[in-house]
């Protein structure tokens, strides 16, 4: 996803209505605690704005975490239409739209 597309997505109620909290609770509504994926989406936007020369070891660790999450979840693709699936929305929080 482009930074602009990710920003639009993260600003939506749909984005805040999927995933798991840091405490392991399932997020089902925008009024709940922020999901790990939504938080990581914000981090991804920060990373995309950081010059490569300024990236820290923590930044690289965050990028590896994103790649690992996306790879694991792509392998778990559900059957059928994914357009409105929690699976797709969760991946979008992590900066990847499998339908795009």
PDB file of N, CA and C in Angstrom:
ATOM      1  N   UNK A   1       0.847  -1.177   0.000  1.00  0.00           N
ATOM      2  CA  UNK A   1       0.000   0.000   0.000  1.00  0.00           C
ATOM      3  C   UNK A   1       0.892   1.240   0.000  1.00  0.00           C
ATOM      4  N   UNK A   2       0.444   2.248  -0.697  1.00  0.00           N
ATOM      5  CA  UNK A   2       1.176   3.510  -0.671  1.00  0.00           C
ATOM      6  C   UNK A   2       0.993   4.157   0.701  1.00  0.00           C
ATOM      7  N   UNK A   3       1.875   5.054   1.083  1.00  0.00           N
ATOM      8  CA  UNK A   3       1.663   5.746   2.358  1.00  0.00           C
ATOM      9  C   UNK A   3       0.305   6.447   2.426  1.00  0.00           C
ATOM     10  N   UNK A   4      -0.131   7.059   1.332  1.00  0.00           N
ATOM     11  CA  UNK A   4      -1.429   7.748   1.337  1.00  0.00           C
ATOM     12  C   UNK A   4      -2.575   6.757   1.528  1.00  0.00           C
ATOM     13  N   UNK A   5      -2.513   5.610   0.851  1.00  0.00           N
ATOM     14  CA  UNK A   5      -3.561   4.596   0.993  1.00  0.00           C
ATOM     15  C   UNK A   5      -3.565   4.021   2.407  1.00  0.00           C
ATOM     16  N   UNK A   6      -2.388   3.782   2.952  1.00  0.00           N
ATOM     17  CA  UNK A   6      -2.305   3.266   4.318  1.00  0.00           C
ATOM     18  C   UNK A   6      -2.841   4.295   5.313  1.00  0.00           C
ATOM     19  N   UNK A   7      -2.528   5.562   5.121  1.00  0.00           N
ATOM     20  CA  UNK A   7      -3.029   6.614   6.011  1.00  0.00           C
ATOM     21  C   UNK A   7      -4.556   6.653   5.989  1.00  0.00           C
ATOM     22  N   UNK A   8      -5.151   6.623   4.775  1.00  0.00           N
ATOM     23  CA  UNK A   8      -6.618   6.624   4.660  1.00  0.00           C
ATOM     24  C   UNK A   8      -7.206   5.415   5.388  1.00  0.00           C
ATOM     25  N   UNK A   9      -6.591   4.254   5.179  1.00  0.00           N
ATOM     26  CA  UNK A   9      -7.085   3.034   5.799  1.00  0.00           C
ATOM     27  C   UNK A   9      -7.001   3.130   7.328  1.00  0.00           C
ATOM     28  N   UNK A  10      -5.857   3.538   7.843  1.00  0.00           N
ATOM     29  CA  UNK A  10      -5.678   3.603   9.294  1.00  0.00           C
ATOM     30  C   UNK A  10      -6.612   4.616   9.951  1.00  0.00           C
ATOM     31  N   UNK A  11      -7.050   5.613   9.204  1.00  0.00           N
ATOM     32  CA  UNK A  11      -7.980   6.613   9.730  1.00  0.00           C
ATOM     33  C   UNK A  11      -9.431   6.120   9.745  1.00  0.00           C
ATOM     34  N   UNK A  12      -9.689   4.964   9.161  1.00  0.00           N
ATOM     35  CA  UNK A  12     -11.061   4.457   9.068  1.00  0.00           C
ATOM     36  C   UNK A  12     -11.460   3.661  10.311  1.00  0.00           C
ATOM     37  N   UNK A  13     -12.766   3.631  10.584  1.00  0.00           N
ATOM     38  CA  UNK A  13     -13.281   2.811  11.683  1.00  0.00           C
ATOM     39  C   UNK A  13     -13.051   1.330  11.407  1.00  0.00           C
ATOM     40  N   UNK A  14     -13.124   0.934  10.129  1.00  0.00           N
ATOM     41  CA  UNK A  14     -12.884  -0.471   9.781  1.00  0.00           C
ATOM     42  C   UNK A  14     -11.505  -0.918  10.243  1.00  0.00           C
ATOM     43  N   UNK A  15     -10.521  -0.056  10.050  1.00  0.00           N
ATOM     44  CA  UNK A  15      -9.155  -0.379  10.444  1.00  0.00           C
ATOM     45  C   UNK A  15      -9.048  -0.595  11.947  1.00  0.00           C
ATOM     46  N   UNK A  16      -9.801   0.170  12.706  1.00  0.00           N
ATOM     47  CA  UNK A  16      -9.745   0.079  14.168  1.00  0.00           C
ATOM     48  C   UNK A  16     -10.631  -1.038  14.717  1.00  0.00           C
ATOM     49  N   UNK A  17     -11.267  -1.804  13.837  1.00  0.00           N
ATOM     50  CA  UNK A  17     -12.229  -2.824  14.255  1.00  0.00           C
ATOM     51  C   UNK A  17     -11.744  -4.250  14.028  1.00  0.00           C
ATOM     52  N   UNK A  18     -10.451  -4.429  13.767  1.00  0.00           N
ATOM     53  CA  UNK A  18      -9.906  -5.774  13.546  1.00  0.00           C
ATOM     54  C   UNK A  18      -8.581  -5.929  14.272  1.00  0.00           C
ATOM     55  N   UNK A  19      -8.208  -7.173  14.484  1.00  0.00           N
ATOM     56  CA  UNK A  19      -6.912  -7.487  15.070  1.00  0.00           C
ATOM     57  C   UNK A  19      -7.016  -7.876  16.534  1.00  0.00           C
ATOM     58  N   UNK A  20      -5.847  -7.925  17.160  1.00  0.00           N
ATOM     59  CA  UNK A  20      -5.728  -8.295  18.566  1.00  0.00           C
ATOM     60  C   UNK A  20      -4.983  -7.192  19.306  1.00  0.00           C
ATOM     61  N   UNK A  21      -5.371  -6.961  20.552  1.00  0.00           N
ATOM     62  CA  UNK A  21      -4.657  -5.986  21.370  1.00  0.00           C
ATOM     63  C   UNK A  21      -3.355  -6.608  21.871  1.00  0.00           C
ATOM     64  N   UNK A  22      -2.510  -5.793  22.439  1.00  0.00           N
ATOM     65  CA  UNK A  22      -1.257  -6.288  23.013  1.00  0.00           C
ATOM     66  C   UNK A  22      -1.528  -7.267  24.155  1.00  0.00           C
ATOM     67  N   UNK A  23      -2.714  -7.183  24.758  1.00  0.00           N
ATOM     68  CA  UNK A  23      -3.099  -8.099  25.836  1.00  0.00           C
ATOM     69  C   UNK A  23      -3.755  -9.374  25.313  1.00  0.00           C
ATOM     70  N   UNK A  24      -3.848  -9.520  23.990  1.00  0.00           N
ATOM     71  CA  UNK A  24      -4.409 -10.726  23.399  1.00  0.00           C
ATOM     72  C   UNK A  24      -5.911 -10.729  23.250  1.00  0.00           C
ATOM     73  N   UNK A  25      -6.551  -9.586  23.418  1.00  0.00           N
ATOM     74  CA  UNK A  25      -8.001  -9.505  23.254  1.00  0.00           C
ATOM     75  C   UNK A  25      -8.348  -9.189  21.804  1.00  0.00           C
ATOM     76  N   UNK A  26      -9.396  -9.826  21.312  1.00  0.00           N
ATOM     77  CA  UNK A  26      -9.840  -9.597  19.938  1.00  0.00           C
ATOM     78  C   UNK A  26     -10.519  -8.236  19.838  1.00  0.00           C
ATOM     79  N   UNK A  27     -10.137  -7.469  18.833  1.00  0.00           N
ATOM     80  CA  UNK A  27     -10.742  -6.155  18.594  1.00  0.00           C
ATOM     81  C   UNK A  27     -11.910  -6.340  17.630  1.00  0.00           C
ATOM     82  N   UNK A  28     -13.089  -5.884  18.043  1.00  0.00           N
ATOM     83  CA  UNK A  28     -14.272  -6.008  17.191  1.00  0.00           C
ATOM     84  C   UNK A  28     -14.966  -4.679  16.951  1.00  0.00           C
ATOM     85  N   UNK A  29     -14.462  -3.607  17.562  1.00  0.00           N
ATOM     86  CA  UNK A  29     -15.074  -2.298  17.384  1.00  0.00           C
ATOM     87  C   UNK A  29     -14.053  -1.189  17.500  1.00  0.00           C
ATOM     88  N   UNK A  30     -14.359  -0.067  16.850  1.00  0.00           N
ATOM     89  CA  UNK A  30     -13.432   1.065  16.813  1.00  0.00           C
ATOM     90  C   UNK A  30     -13.233   1.711  18.177  1.00  0.00           C
ATOM     91  N   UNK A  31     -14.133   1.437  19.115  1.00  0.00           N
ATOM     92  CA  UNK A  31     -14.038   2.070  20.436  1.00  0.00           C
ATOM     93  C   UNK A  31     -13.192   1.265  21.421  1.00  0.00           C
ATOM     94  N   UNK A  32     -12.597   0.169  20.976  1.00  0.00           N
ATOM     95  CA  UNK A  32     -11.766  -0.659  21.848  1.00  0.00           C
ATOM     96  C   UNK A  32     -10.314  -0.197  21.819  1.00  0.00           C
ATOM     97  N   UNK A  33      -9.492  -0.847  22.619  1.00  0.00           N
ATOM     98  CA  UNK A  33      -8.059  -0.551  22.634  1.00  0.00           C
ATOM     99  C   UNK A  33      -7.469  -0.784  21.242  1.00  0.00           C
ATOM    100  N   UNK A  34      -6.402  -0.081  20.939  1.00  0.00           N
ATOM    101  CA  UNK A  34      -5.769  -0.188  19.624  1.00  0.00           C
ATOM    102  C   UNK A  34      -5.177  -1.582  19.421  1.00  0.00           C
ATOM    103  N   UNK A  35      -5.377  -2.134  18.234  1.00  0.00           N
ATOM    104  CA  UNK A  35      -4.799  -3.437  17.914  1.00  0.00           C
ATOM    105  C   UNK A  35      -3.308  -3.291  17.630  1.00  0.00           C
ATOM    106  N   UNK A  36      -2.606  -4.396  17.775  1.00  0.00           N
ATOM    107  CA  UNK A  36      -1.174  -4.425  17.474  1.00  0.00           C
ATOM    108  C   UNK A  36      -0.948  -4.034  16.019  1.00  0.00           C
ATOM    109  N   UNK A  37      -1.789  -4.552  15.118  1.00  0.00           N
ATOM    110  CA  UNK A  37      -1.636  -4.247  13.696  1.00  0.00           C
ATOM    111  C   UNK A  37      -1.850  -2.777  13.375  1.00  0.00           C
ATOM    112  N   UNK A  38      -2.845  -2.168  14.002  1.00  0.00           N
ATOM    113  CA  UNK A  38      -3.105  -0.746  13.762  1.00  0.00           C
ATOM    114  C   UNK A  38      -1.919   0.080  14.243  1.00  0.00           C
ATOM    115  N   UNK A  39      -1.405  -0.264  15.405  1.00  0.00           N
ATOM    116  CA  UNK A  39      -0.222   0.426  15.935  1.00  0.00           C
ATOM    117  C   UNK A  39       0.963   0.242  14.984  1.00  0.00           C
ATOM    118  N   UNK A  40       1.135  -0.973  14.473  1.00  0.00           N
ATOM    119  CA  UNK A  40       2.252  -1.223  13.560  1.00  0.00           C
ATOM    120  C   UNK A  40       2.058  -0.472  12.244  1.00  0.00           C
ATOM    121  N   UNK A  41       0.822  -0.304  11.800  1.00  0.00           N
ATOM    122  CA  UNK A  41       0.573   0.493  10.598  1.00  0.00           C
ATOM    123  C   UNK A  41       1.069   1.920  10.764  1.00  0.00           C
ATOM    124  N   UNK A  42       0.841   2.485  11.941  1.00  0.00           N
ATOM    125  CA  UNK A  42       1.353   3.833  12.230  1.00  0.00           C
ATOM    126  C   UNK A  42       2.880   3.834  12.202  1.00  0.00           C
ATOM    127  N   UNK A  43       3.473   2.778  12.728  1.00  0.00           N
ATOM    128  CA  UNK A  43       4.938   2.651  12.736  1.00  0.00           C
ATOM    129  C   UNK A  43       5.468   2.540  11.311  1.00  0.00           C
ATOM    130  N   UNK A  44       4.761   1.800  10.470  1.00  0.00           N
ATOM    131  CA  UNK A  44       5.160   1.656   9.065  1.00  0.00           C
ATOM    132  C   UNK A  44       5.195   3.024   8.394  1.00  0.00           C
ATOM    133  N   UNK A  45       4.185   3.842   8.649  1.00  0.00           N
ATOM    134  CA  UNK A  45       4.171   5.185   8.061  1.00  0.00           C
ATOM    135  C   UNK A  45       5.377   5.998   8.519  1.00  0.00           C
ATOM    136  N   UNK A  46       5.741   5.875   9.789  1.00  0.00           N
ATOM    137  CA  UNK A  46       6.940   6.564  10.284  1.00  0.00           C
ATOM    138  C   UNK A  46       8.182   6.071   9.542  1.00  0.00           C
ATOM    139  N   UNK A  47       8.285   4.756   9.386  1.00  0.00           N
ATOM    140  CA  UNK A  47       9.456   4.174   8.723  1.00  0.00           C
ATOM    141  C   UNK A  47       9.567   4.630   7.275  1.00  0.00           C
ATOM    142  N   UNK A  48       8.434   4.726   6.592  1.00  0.00           N
ATOM    143  CA  UNK A  48       8.458   5.133   5.186  1.00  0.00           C
ATOM    144  C   UNK A  48       8.926   6.575   5.018  1.00  0.00           C
ATOM    145  N   UNK A  49       8.824   7.365   6.070  1.00  0.00           N
ATOM    146  CA  UNK A  49       9.249   8.763   6.007  1.00  0.00           C
ATOM    147  C   UNK A  49      10.684   8.958   6.497  1.00  0.00           C
ATOM    148  N   UNK A  50      11.292   7.902   6.993  1.00  0.00           N
ATOM    149  CA  UNK A  50      12.637   7.998   7.555  1.00  0.00           C
ATOM    150  C   UNK A  50      13.681   7.740   6.475  1.00  0.00           C
ATOM    151  N   UNK A  51      14.637   8.629   6.301  1.00  0.00           N
ATOM    152  CA  UNK A  51      15.718   8.366   5.343  1.00  0.00           C
ATOM    153  C   UNK A  51      16.466   7.084   5.733  1.00  0.00           C
ATOM    154  N   UNK A  52      16.859   6.298   4.741  1.00  0.00           N
ATOM    155  CA  UNK A  52      17.528   5.021   4.987  1.00  0.00           C
ATOM    156  C   UNK A  52      18.735   5.198   5.911  1.00  0.00           C
ATOM    157  N   UNK A  53      19.490   6.245   5.712  1.00  0.00           N
ATOM    158  CA  UNK A  53      20.687   6.480   6.533  1.00  0.00           C
ATOM    159  C   UNK A  53      20.349   6.708   8.004  1.00  0.00           C
ATOM    160  N   UNK A  54      19.098   7.067   8.289  1.00  0.00           N
ATOM    161  CA  UNK A  54      18.690   7.353   9.666  1.00  0.00           C
ATOM    162  C   UNK A  54      17.983   6.182  10.349  1.00  0.00           C
ATOM    163  N   UNK A  55      17.812   5.063   9.632  1.00  0.00           N
ATOM    164  CA  UNK A  55      17.131   3.916  10.225  1.00  0.00           C
ATOM    165  C   UNK A  55      17.995   3.281  11.311  1.00  0.00           C
ATOM    166  N   UNK A  56      17.358   2.917  12.407  1.00  0.00           N
ATOM    167  CA  UNK A  56      18.052   2.323  13.551  1.00  0.00           C
ATOM    168  C   UNK A  56      17.886   0.802  13.545  1.00  0.00           C
ATOM    169  N   UNK A  57      18.637   0.101  14.385  1.00  0.00           N
ATOM    170  CA  UNK A  57      18.415  -1.343  14.518  1.00  0.00           C
ATOM    171  C   UNK A  57      16.968  -1.671  14.913  1.00  0.00           C
ATOM    172  N   UNK A  58      16.345  -0.849  15.748  1.00  0.00           N
ATOM    173  CA  UNK A  58      14.937  -1.067  16.106  1.00  0.00           C
ATOM    174  C   UNK A  58      14.022  -0.916  14.893  1.00  0.00           C
ATOM    175  N   UNK A  59      14.352   0.014  14.011  1.00  0.00           N
ATOM    176  CA  UNK A  59      13.564   0.197  12.791  1.00  0.00           C
ATOM    177  C   UNK A  59      13.651  -1.050  11.917  1.00  0.00           C
ATOM    178  N   UNK A  60      14.855  -1.586  11.761  1.00  0.00           N
ATOM    179  CA  UNK A  60      15.029  -2.799  10.957  1.00  0.00           C
ATOM    180  C   UNK A  60      14.315  -3.988  11.599  1.00  0.00           C
ATOM    181  N   UNK A  61      14.325  -4.069  12.916  1.00  0.00           N
ATOM    182  CA  UNK A  61      13.598  -5.135  13.610  1.00  0.00           C
ATOM    183  C   UNK A  61      12.097  -5.010  13.358  1.00  0.00           C
ATOM    184  N   UNK A  62      11.583  -3.788  13.360  1.00  0.00           N
ATOM    185  CA  UNK A  62      10.161  -3.565  13.081  1.00  0.00           C
ATOM    186  C   UNK A  62       9.829  -3.997  11.656  1.00  0.00           C
ATOM    187  N   UNK A  63      10.708  -3.689  10.713  1.00  0.00           N
ATOM    188  CA  UNK A  63      10.464  -4.093   9.323  1.00  0.00           C
ATOM    189  C   UNK A  63      10.468  -5.611   9.187  1.00  0.00           C
ATOM    190  N   UNK A  64      11.373  -6.291   9.880  1.00  0.00           N
ATOM    191  CA  UNK A  64      11.392  -7.760   9.838  1.00  0.00           C
ATOM    192  C   UNK A  64      10.108  -8.328  10.439  1.00  0.00           C
ATOM    193  N   UNK A  65       9.609  -7.697  11.492  1.00  0.00           N
ATOM    194  CA  UNK A  65       8.353  -8.132  12.111  1.00  0.00           C
ATOM    195  C   UNK A  65       7.199  -8.012  11.116  1.00  0.00           C
ATOM    196  N   UNK A  66       7.150  -6.921  10.380  1.00  0.00           N
ATOM    197  CA  UNK A  66       6.097  -6.716   9.382  1.00  0.00           C
ATOM    198  C   UNK A  66       6.176  -7.789   8.304  1.00  0.00           C
ATOM    199  N   UNK A  67       7.359  -8.019   7.770  1.00  0.00           N
ATOM    200  CA  UNK A  67       7.530  -9.023   6.712  1.00  0.00           C
ATOM    201  C   UNK A  67       7.111 -10.400   7.221  1.00  0.00           C
ATOM    202  N   UNK A  68       7.514 -10.752   8.431  1.00  0.00           N
ATOM    203  CA  UNK A  68       7.137 -12.041   9.002  1.00  0.00           C
ATOM    204  C   UNK A  68       5.633 -12.182   9.158  1.00  0.00           C
ATOM    205  N   UNK A  69       4.980 -11.137   9.667  1.00  0.00           N
ATOM    206  CA  UNK A  69       3.532 -11.170   9.849  1.00  0.00           C
ATOM    207  C   UNK A  69       2.832 -11.356   8.506  1.00  0.00           C
ATOM    208  N   UNK A  70       3.216 -10.557   7.532  1.00  0.00           N
ATOM    209  CA  UNK A  70       2.563 -10.625   6.219  1.00  0.00           C
ATOM    210  C   UNK A  70       2.758 -12.008   5.604  1.00  0.00           C
ATOM    211  N   UNK A  71       3.952 -12.551   5.646  1.00  0.00           N
ATOM    212  CA  UNK A  71       4.206 -13.880   5.070  1.00  0.00           C
ATOM    213  C   UNK A  71       3.374 -14.950   5.768  1.00  0.00           C
ATOM    214  N   UNK A  72       3.333 -14.924   7.091  1.00  0.00           N
ATOM    215  CA  UNK A  72       2.548 -15.922   7.831  1.00  0.00           C
ATOM    216  C   UNK A  72       1.068 -15.830   7.486  1.00  0.00           C
ATOM    217  N   UNK A  73       0.542 -14.623   7.432  1.00  0.00           N
ATOM    218  CA  UNK A  73      -0.889 -14.470   7.202  1.00  0.00           C
ATOM    219  C   UNK A  73      -1.296 -14.689   5.753  1.00  0.00           C
ATOM    220  N   UNK A  74      -0.414 -14.417   4.819  1.00  0.00           N
ATOM    221  CA  UNK A  74      -0.727 -14.747   3.424  1.00  0.00           C
ATOM    222  C   UNK A  74      -0.885 -16.255   3.258  1.00  0.00           C
ATOM    223  N   UNK A  75      -0.129 -17.027   4.021  1.00  0.00           N
ATOM    224  CA  UNK A  75      -0.227 -18.488   3.960  1.00  0.00           C
ATOM    225  C   UNK A  75      -1.541 -18.993   4.554  1.00  0.00           C
ATOM    226  N   UNK A  76      -2.252 -18.150   5.284  1.00  0.00           N
ATOM    227  CA  UNK A  76      -3.513 -18.530   5.922  1.00  0.00           C
ATOM    228  C   UNK A  76      -4.730 -17.968   5.187  1.00  0.00           C
ATOM    229  N   UNK A  77      -4.560 -17.646   3.925  1.00  0.00           N
ATOM    230  CA  UNK A  77      -5.651 -17.039   3.147  1.00  0.00           C
ATOM    231  C   UNK A  77      -6.919 -17.888   3.243  1.00  0.00           C
ATOM    232  N   UNK A  78      -8.028 -17.270   3.613  1.00  0.00           N
ATOM    233  CA  UNK A  78      -9.281 -18.025   3.684  1.00  0.00           C
ATOM    234  C   UNK A  78      -9.830 -18.293   2.284  1.00  0.00           C
ATOM    235  N   UNK A  79     -10.672 -19.293   2.193  1.00  0.00           N
ATOM    236  CA  UNK A  79     -11.310 -19.566   0.905  1.00  0.00           C
ATOM    237  C   UNK A  79     -12.451 -18.572   0.700  1.00  0.00           C
ATOM    238  N   UNK A  80     -12.819 -18.395  -0.534  1.00  0.00           N
ATOM    239  CA  UNK A  80     -13.931 -17.507  -0.838  1.00  0.00           C
ATOM    240  C   UNK A  80     -13.522 -16.057  -0.989  1.00  0.00           C
ATOM    241  N   UNK A  81     -14.526 -15.204  -0.954  1.00  0.00           N
ATOM    242  CA  UNK A  81     -14.337 -13.769  -1.156  1.00  0.00           C
ATOM    243  C   UNK A  81     -13.634 -13.148   0.049  1.00  0.00           C
ATOM    244  N   UNK A  82     -12.551 -12.438  -0.204  1.00  0.00           N
ATOM    245  CA  UNK A  82     -11.789 -11.822   0.888  1.00  0.00           C
ATOM    246  C   UNK A  82     -12.074 -10.333   1.040  1.00  0.00           C
ATOM    247  N   UNK A  83     -12.858  -9.761   0.137  1.00  0.00           N
ATOM    248  CA  UNK A  83     -13.056  -8.309   0.076  1.00  0.00           C
ATOM    249  C   UNK A  83     -13.349  -7.679   1.437  1.00  0.00           C
ATOM    250  N   UNK A  84     -14.243  -8.269   2.206  1.00  0.00           N
ATOM    251  CA  UNK A  84     -14.637  -7.681   3.491  1.00  0.00           C
ATOM    252  C   UNK A  84     -14.213  -8.556   4.674  1.00  0.00           C
ATOM    253  N   UNK A  85     -13.233  -9.402   4.458  1.00  0.00           N
ATOM    254  CA  UNK A  85     -12.810 -10.332   5.509  1.00  0.00           C
ATOM    255  C   UNK A  85     -11.922  -9.653   6.550  1.00  0.00           C
ATOM    256  N   UNK A  86     -12.010 -10.142   7.779  1.00  0.00           N
ATOM    257  CA  UNK A  86     -11.126  -9.660   8.843  1.00  0.00           C
ATOM    258  C   UNK A  86      -9.674  -9.942   8.469  1.00  0.00           C
ATOM    259  N   UNK A  87      -9.431 -11.051   7.769  1.00  0.00           N
ATOM    260  CA  UNK A  87      -8.086 -11.424   7.334  1.00  0.00           C
ATOM    261  C   UNK A  87      -7.479 -10.319   6.476  1.00  0.00           C
ATOM    262  N   UNK A  88      -8.226  -9.858   5.475  1.00  0.00           N
ATOM    263  CA  UNK A  88      -7.727  -8.794   4.601  1.00  0.00           C
ATOM    264  C   UNK A  88      -7.533  -7.495   5.383  1.00  0.00           C
ATOM    265  N   UNK A  89      -8.505  -7.141   6.197  1.00  0.00           N
ATOM    266  CA  UNK A  89      -8.421  -5.884   6.948  1.00  0.00           C
ATOM    267  C   UNK A  89      -7.229  -5.893   7.902  1.00  0.00           C
ATOM    268  N   UNK A  90      -6.966  -7.033   8.503  1.00  0.00           N
ATOM    269  CA  UNK A  90      -5.814  -7.136   9.394  1.00  0.00           C
ATOM    270  C   UNK A  90      -4.513  -6.942   8.622  1.00  0.00           C
ATOM    271  N   UNK A  91      -4.395  -7.575   7.468  1.00  0.00           N
ATOM    272  CA  UNK A  91      -3.200  -7.390   6.636  1.00  0.00           C
ATOM    273  C   UNK A  91      -3.058  -5.938   6.197  1.00  0.00           C
ATOM    274  N   UNK A  92      -4.159  -5.294   5.905  1.00  0.00           N
ATOM    275  CA  UNK A  92      -4.094  -3.887   5.504  1.00  0.00           C
ATOM    276  C   UNK A  92      -3.564  -3.016   6.644  1.00  0.00           C
ATOM    277  N   UNK A  93      -3.897  -3.356   7.890  1.00  0.00           N
ATOM    278  CA  UNK A  93      -3.336  -2.611   9.020  1.00  0.00           C
ATOM    279  C   UNK A  93      -1.815  -2.704   9.030  1.00  0.00           C
ATOM    280  N   UNK A  94      -1.286  -3.797   8.521  1.00  0.00           N
ATOM    281  CA  UNK A  94       0.159  -4.022   8.467  1.00  0.00           C
ATOM    282  C   UNK A  94       0.748  -3.528   7.151  1.00  0.00           C
ATOM    283  N   UNK A  95      -0.028  -2.786   6.366  1.00  0.00           N
ATOM    284  CA  UNK A  95       0.487  -2.151   5.156  1.00  0.00           C
ATOM    285  C   UNK A  95       0.427  -2.983   3.900  1.00  0.00           C
ATOM    286  N   UNK A  96      -0.318  -4.101   3.916  1.00  0.00           N
ATOM    287  CA  UNK A  96      -0.409  -4.953   2.728  1.00  0.00           C
ATOM    288  C   UNK A  96      -1.874  -5.242   2.414  1.00  0.00           C
ATOM    289  N   UNK A  97      -2.291  -4.923   1.196  1.00  0.00           N
ATOM    290  CA  UNK A  97      -3.650  -5.243   0.748  1.00  0.00           C
ATOM    291  C   UNK A  97      -3.569  -6.416  -0.215  1.00  0.00           C
ATOM    292  N   UNK A  98      -3.976  -7.615   0.223  1.00  0.00           N
ATOM    293  CA  UNK A  98      -3.879  -8.785  -0.646  1.00  0.00           C
ATOM    294  C   UNK A  98      -4.825  -8.729  -1.842  1.00  0.00           C
ATOM    295  N   UNK A  99      -5.796  -7.832  -1.817  1.00  0.00           N
ATOM    296  CA  UNK A  99      -6.722  -7.694  -2.945  1.00  0.00           C
ATOM    297  C   UNK A  99      -6.250  -6.630  -3.929  1.00  0.00           C
ATOM    298  N   UNK A 100      -5.204  -5.910  -3.560  1.00  0.00           N
ATOM    299  CA  UNK A 100      -4.766  -4.781  -4.384  1.00  0.00           C
ATOM    300  C   UNK A 100      -3.622  -5.084  -5.193  1.00  0.00           C
TER     301      UNK A 100
END
